Amino acid sequence: MAGLLGIGGGFIIVPLLLIILPQIGIEQQLVTHIAVGTSLMCISITSLSSSFAHNQKNAINWALLRPIVPGLVIGALVGSAVAGILQGPILILVFVSGALITAVYLLSGHKTKQGNVSTSSFIYFLYANFTGIVSALIGIGGGSILVPFLVYKGQAMVKAVGTAAACGFPIAVAGSLGFIYEGWQVTESIEYATGYIYWPAFLGIVIFSTLTAPLGAKTAHYILESYLRVIFAIFLILTSGQILYSQWLSSP
């Protein structure tokens, strides 16, 4: 799915872990936090390979990373701290809201028009703070938030996508460290867990997603972008509905 749709993986990984983790004995009140934290740890690895590929095509604006990365790191640490305070059901609502907003944006067919390049580093820093907070809260790499902003600020789409891919690494690393710290004592009784990171899930996802991503990337060349946007939007809507149903509506 990541190769086919160009997503960081968080919107795939988190719903998957919300289903699987309870089946292996993880306490329900910890499931959401572990799902989000593990998703961020996975993205910290996958974003490196993505950044390498974009850099080979000279599609990363490294100058923009100077004001953006500090904001992303601060925002991701704040987001992980907030997530540690929130109860599982509230964190699920935050994730579902983010997924549905993304779905509506994709179905709208809106394409951000290229604007004027901003010379204010502080604007990039502030927006990076916002991106880091939201990304850490719902376990994504931040590309869906950053790309429209970078295009609006004058970056060509290919540069915006490449730069956003590179930004996924500091978001994921800072967010992962925050989730490790927040869950350090909470998950002491869970084998193979460090804070809110569950290592068996991390290894399984990273190894096999690395193997299958090229297949999705090749398939993407044969499908129109508009179709891909609709496919992903429908996936997000169905996934959000399934999460809501399994967490609340199916309860007696």
Protein backbone atom coordinates (compact mmCIF):
# COMPACT_ATOMS: atom_id res chain seq x y z
CA MET A 1 0.00 0.00 0.00
CA ALA A 2 2.86 2.38 0.76
CA GLY A 3 4.46 1.78 -2.63
CA LEU A 4 1.14 1.97 -4.45
CA LEU A 5 -0.24 5.09 -2.76
CA GLY A 6 2.90 6.93 -1.68
CA ILE A 7 1.94 7.02 2.01
CA GLY A 8 4.22 6.84 5.03
CA GLY A 9 2.41 3.83 6.43
CA GLY A 10 0.86 5.15 9.63
CA PHE A 11 -2.71 4.98 8.32
CA ILE A 12 -2.08 1.29 7.49
CA ILE A 13 -0.01 0.22 10.50
CA VAL A 14 -2.10 1.75 13.31
CA PRO A 15 -5.46 0.17 12.30
CA LEU A 16 -3.70 -3.18 11.77
CA LEU A 17 -2.16 -3.12 15.23
CA LEU A 18 -5.43 -2.01 16.83
CA ILE A 19 -6.85 -5.33 15.62
CA ILE A 20 -3.87 -7.60 16.27
CA LEU A 21 -2.46 -6.39 19.60
CA PRO A 22 -5.52 -7.35 21.71
CA GLN A 23 -5.40 -10.84 20.15
CA ILE A 24 -1.92 -11.47 21.59
CA GLY A 25 -2.79 -10.38 25.12
CA ILE A 26 -1.93 -6.66 25.14
CA GLU A 27 -4.16 -4.85 27.64
CA GLN A 28 -6.87 -2.85 25.89
CA GLN A 29 -5.95 0.43 27.60
CA LEU A 30 -2.42 0.18 26.16
CA VAL A 31 -3.27 -0.97 22.64
CA THR A 32 -3.73 2.46 21.02
CA HIS A 33 -0.55 3.93 22.49
CA ILE A 34 1.52 0.90 21.46
CA ALA A 35 0.00 0.97 17.96
CA VAL A 36 0.89 4.64 17.44
CA GLY A 37 4.35 4.36 19.03
CA THR A 38 5.26 1.26 17.01
CA SER A 39 4.01 2.92 13.83
CA LEU A 40 6.35 5.87 14.39
CA MET A 41 9.29 3.53 14.98
CA CYS A 42 8.53 1.73 11.71
CA ILE A 43 8.38 5.05 9.84
CA SER A 44 11.78 6.05 11.26
CA ILE A 45 13.28 3.19 9.23
CA THR A 46 11.17 3.31 6.08
CA SER A 47 11.61 7.08 5.75
CA LEU A 48 15.36 6.61 5.37
CA SER A 49 15.02 4.49 2.23
CA SER A 50 12.44 6.90 0.84
CA SER A 51 14.70 9.89 1.52
CA PHE A 52 17.63 8.14 -0.15
CA ALA A 53 15.58 7.53 -3.30
CA HIS A 54 14.34 11.14 -3.45
CA ASN A 55 17.85 12.51 -2.84
CA GLN A 56 19.20 10.52 -5.78
CA LYS A 57 16.72 12.43 -7.96
CA ASN A 58 17.74 15.74 -6.35
CA ALA A 59 14.19 16.12 -5.02
CA ILE A 60 14.96 17.32 -1.49
CA ASN A 61 15.33 20.99 -0.58
CA TRP A 62 17.93 20.59 2.15
CA ALA A 63 17.98 24.33 2.91
CA LEU A 64 14.37 24.17 4.08
CA LEU A 65 15.19 21.42 6.57
CA ARG A 66 17.20 23.86 8.72
CA PRO A 67 14.12 25.73 10.04
CA ILE A 68 11.74 22.77 9.66
CA VAL A 69 13.56 19.96 11.49
CA PRO A 70 13.82 21.72 14.91
CA GLY A 71 10.11 22.47 14.74
CA LEU A 72 9.31 18.88 13.81
CA VAL A 73 11.37 17.49 16.69
CA ILE A 74 9.83 19.82 19.26
CA GLY A 75 6.34 19.19 17.92
CA ALA A 76 6.79 15.40 17.88
CA LEU A 77 8.04 15.38 21.47
CA VAL A 78 5.08 17.52 22.54
CA GLY A 79 2.67 15.30 20.58
CA SER A 80 4.01 12.12 22.18
CA ALA A 81 3.75 13.70 25.62
CA VAL A 82 0.13 14.69 24.96
CA ALA A 83 -0.61 11.19 23.62
CA GLY A 84 0.81 9.72 26.84
CA ILE A 85 -1.72 11.74 28.84
CA LEU A 86 -4.73 10.93 26.67
CA GLN A 87 -6.76 7.82 27.32
CA GLY A 88 -6.93 5.16 24.60
CA PRO A 89 -10.46 5.98 23.35
CA ILE A 90 -9.62 9.67 23.01
CA LEU A 91 -6.43 8.86 21.09
CA ILE A 92 -8.49 6.62 18.79
CA LEU A 93 -10.88 9.50 18.09
CA VAL A 94 -7.91 11.74 17.24
CA PHE A 95 -6.58 9.13 14.81
CA VAL A 96 -9.97 8.51 13.17
CA SER A 97 -10.52 12.27 12.81
CA GLY A 98 -7.16 12.64 11.07
CA ALA A 99 -7.94 9.73 8.74
CA LEU A 100 -11.38 11.07 7.80
CA ILE A 101 -10.07 14.62 7.19
CA THR A 102 -7.42 13.14 4.89
CA ALA A 103 -10.09 11.09 3.08
CA VAL A 104 -12.28 14.14 2.50
CA TYR A 105 -9.28 16.07 1.19
CA LEU A 106 -8.43 13.28 -1.25
CA LEU A 107 -12.00 12.90 -2.50
CA SER A 108 -12.34 16.66 -3.01
CA GLY A 109 -9.77 16.47 -5.80
CA HIS A 110 -8.24 19.70 -4.53
CA LYS A 111 -4.73 20.41 -5.74
CA THR A 112 -2.73 23.07 -3.97
CA LYS A 113 -1.58 25.80 -6.34
CA GLN A 114 2.06 26.79 -6.25
CA GLY A 115 2.48 30.14 -4.52
CA ASN A 116 5.32 32.47 -3.63
CA VAL A 117 8.34 31.18 -1.75
CA SER A 118 8.33 32.45 1.83
CA THR A 119 11.62 33.75 3.16
CA SER A 120 10.49 33.61 6.80
CA SER A 121 12.14 30.68 8.54
CA PHE A 122 9.89 31.25 11.54
CA ILE A 123 6.78 30.41 9.48
CA TYR A 124 8.30 27.08 8.50
CA PHE A 125 9.31 26.45 12.12
CA LEU A 126 5.78 27.12 13.42
CA TYR A 127 4.11 24.94 10.81
CA ALA A 128 6.66 22.20 11.50
CA ASN A 129 5.64 22.34 15.17
CA PHE A 130 2.03 21.75 14.18
CA THR A 131 3.04 18.93 11.81
CA GLY A 132 5.13 17.22 14.47
CA ILE A 133 2.37 17.37 17.09
CA VAL A 134 -0.32 15.93 14.80
CA SER A 135 2.00 13.28 13.35
CA ALA A 136 3.08 12.02 16.77
CA LEU A 137 -0.51 11.95 18.00
CA ILE A 138 -1.73 9.68 15.21
CA GLY A 139 1.48 7.86 14.23
CA ILE A 140 2.13 9.15 10.70
CA GLY A 141 5.15 10.55 8.89
CA GLY A 142 3.62 13.97 8.27
CA GLY A 143 3.74 14.01 4.47
CA SER A 144 0.00 14.54 4.06
CA ILE A 145 0.31 17.68 6.22
CA LEU A 146 3.59 19.06 4.90
CA VAL A 147 3.26 18.58 1.14
CA PRO A 148 0.29 20.97 0.55
CA PHE A 149 2.00 23.61 2.71
CA LEU A 150 5.34 23.35 0.90
CA VAL A 151 3.63 23.58 -2.51
CA TYR A 152 1.66 26.62 -1.33
CA LYS A 153 4.95 28.19 -0.23
CA GLY A 154 6.39 27.85 -3.73
CA GLN A 155 7.99 24.42 -3.90
CA ALA A 156 7.44 22.31 -6.99
CA MET A 157 5.43 19.17 -6.22
CA VAL A 158 8.39 16.83 -6.71
CA LYS A 159 10.49 18.93 -4.31
CA ALA A 160 7.64 19.14 -1.79
CA VAL A 161 7.16 15.36 -1.78
CA GLY A 162 10.88 14.67 -1.49
CA THR A 163 11.40 17.22 1.28
CA ALA A 164 8.39 15.90 3.19
CA ALA A 165 9.78 12.37 2.89
CA ALA A 166 13.04 13.52 4.46
CA CYS A 167 11.06 15.20 7.24
CA GLY A 168 9.48 11.87 8.14
CA PHE A 169 12.70 10.70 9.79
CA PRO A 170 13.04 13.41 12.50
CA ILE A 171 9.29 13.23 13.20
CA ALA A 172 9.40 9.47 13.64
CA VAL A 173 12.60 9.38 15.69
CA ALA A 174 11.53 12.14 18.08
CA GLY A 175 8.02 10.72 18.36
CA SER A 176 9.33 7.19 18.98
CA LEU A 177 11.67 8.40 21.73
CA GLY A 178 8.79 10.28 23.29
CA PHE A 179 6.58 7.18 23.25
CA ILE A 180 9.40 5.09 24.75
CA TYR A 181 9.77 7.60 27.58
CA GLU A 182 6.04 7.99 28.21
CA GLY A 183 5.46 4.23 28.36
CA TRP A 184 8.70 3.16 30.03
CA GLN A 185 7.15 2.11 33.33
CA VAL A 186 3.65 1.45 32.01
CA THR A 187 4.67 -1.49 29.79
CA GLU A 188 7.26 -3.14 32.07
CA SER A 189 5.13 -6.29 32.27
CA ILE A 190 4.87 -6.66 28.47
CA GLU A 191 7.53 -8.92 26.99
CA TYR A 192 9.45 -7.52 23.99
CA ALA A 193 8.17 -3.98 24.60
CA THR A 194 10.22 -0.88 25.31
CA GLY A 195 7.88 1.86 26.39
CA TYR A 196 5.09 1.98 23.83
CA ILE A 197 7.19 0.22 21.16
CA TYR A 198 6.37 -3.46 20.52
CA TRP A 199 9.42 -4.91 18.80
CA PRO A 200 7.96 -8.08 17.19
CA ALA A 201 5.44 -5.92 15.33
CA PHE A 202 8.16 -3.44 14.37
CA LEU A 203 10.43 -6.13 12.92
CA GLY A 204 7.66 -7.92 11.04
CA ILE A 205 6.34 -4.71 9.48
CA VAL A 206 9.72 -3.23 8.52
CA ILE A 207 11.14 -6.44 7.03
CA PHE A 208 8.14 -7.35 4.90
CA SER A 209 7.13 -3.82 3.91
CA THR A 210 10.65 -3.31 2.59
CA LEU A 211 10.28 -6.44 0.46
CA THR A 212 6.83 -5.62 -0.94
CA ALA A 213 6.99 -1.84 -1.40
CA PRO A 214 8.69 -2.09 -4.83
CA LEU A 215 5.75 -4.17 -6.08
CA GLY A 216 3.33 -1.44 -5.09
CA ALA A 217 5.54 1.24 -6.62
CA LYS A 218 5.62 -0.59 -9.97
CA THR A 219 1.84 -1.09 -9.92
CA ALA A 220 1.32 2.62 -9.29
CA HIS A 221 2.70 3.43 -12.75
CA TYR A 222 -0.25 1.64 -14.34
CA ILE A 223 -3.01 3.37 -12.35
CA LEU A 224 -4.12 7.00 -12.72
CA GLU A 225 -3.31 9.24 -9.75
CA SER A 226 -6.99 10.23 -9.45
CA TYR A 227 -7.93 6.56 -9.05
CA LEU A 228 -5.25 6.07 -6.41
CA ARG A 229 -6.57 9.04 -4.42
CA VAL A 230 -10.09 7.59 -4.45
CA ILE A 231 -8.85 4.09 -3.53
CA PHE A 232 -6.91 5.43 -0.56
CA ALA A 233 -9.78 7.70 0.54
CA ILE A 234 -12.22 4.78 0.50
CA PHE A 235 -9.71 2.69 2.42
CA LEU A 236 -9.43 5.39 5.11
CA ILE A 237 -13.21 5.70 5.43
CA LEU A 238 -13.74 1.94 5.71
CA THR A 239 -10.86 1.61 8.17
CA SER A 240 -12.19 4.45 10.33
CA GLY A 241 -15.64 2.87 10.34
CA GLN A 242 -14.20 -0.50 11.33
CA ILE A 243 -12.21 1.06 14.18
CA LEU A 244 -15.24 2.95 15.51
CA TYR A 245 -17.42 -0.16 15.26
CA SER A 246 -14.93 -2.46 16.97
CA GLN A 247 -14.20 0.01 19.77
CA TRP A 248 -17.70 1.21 20.62
CA LEU A 249 -20.63 0.10 18.46
CA SER A 250 -19.99 -3.62 18.84
CA SER A 251 -19.94 -3.37 22.62
CA PRO A 252 -23.09 -4.67 24.36
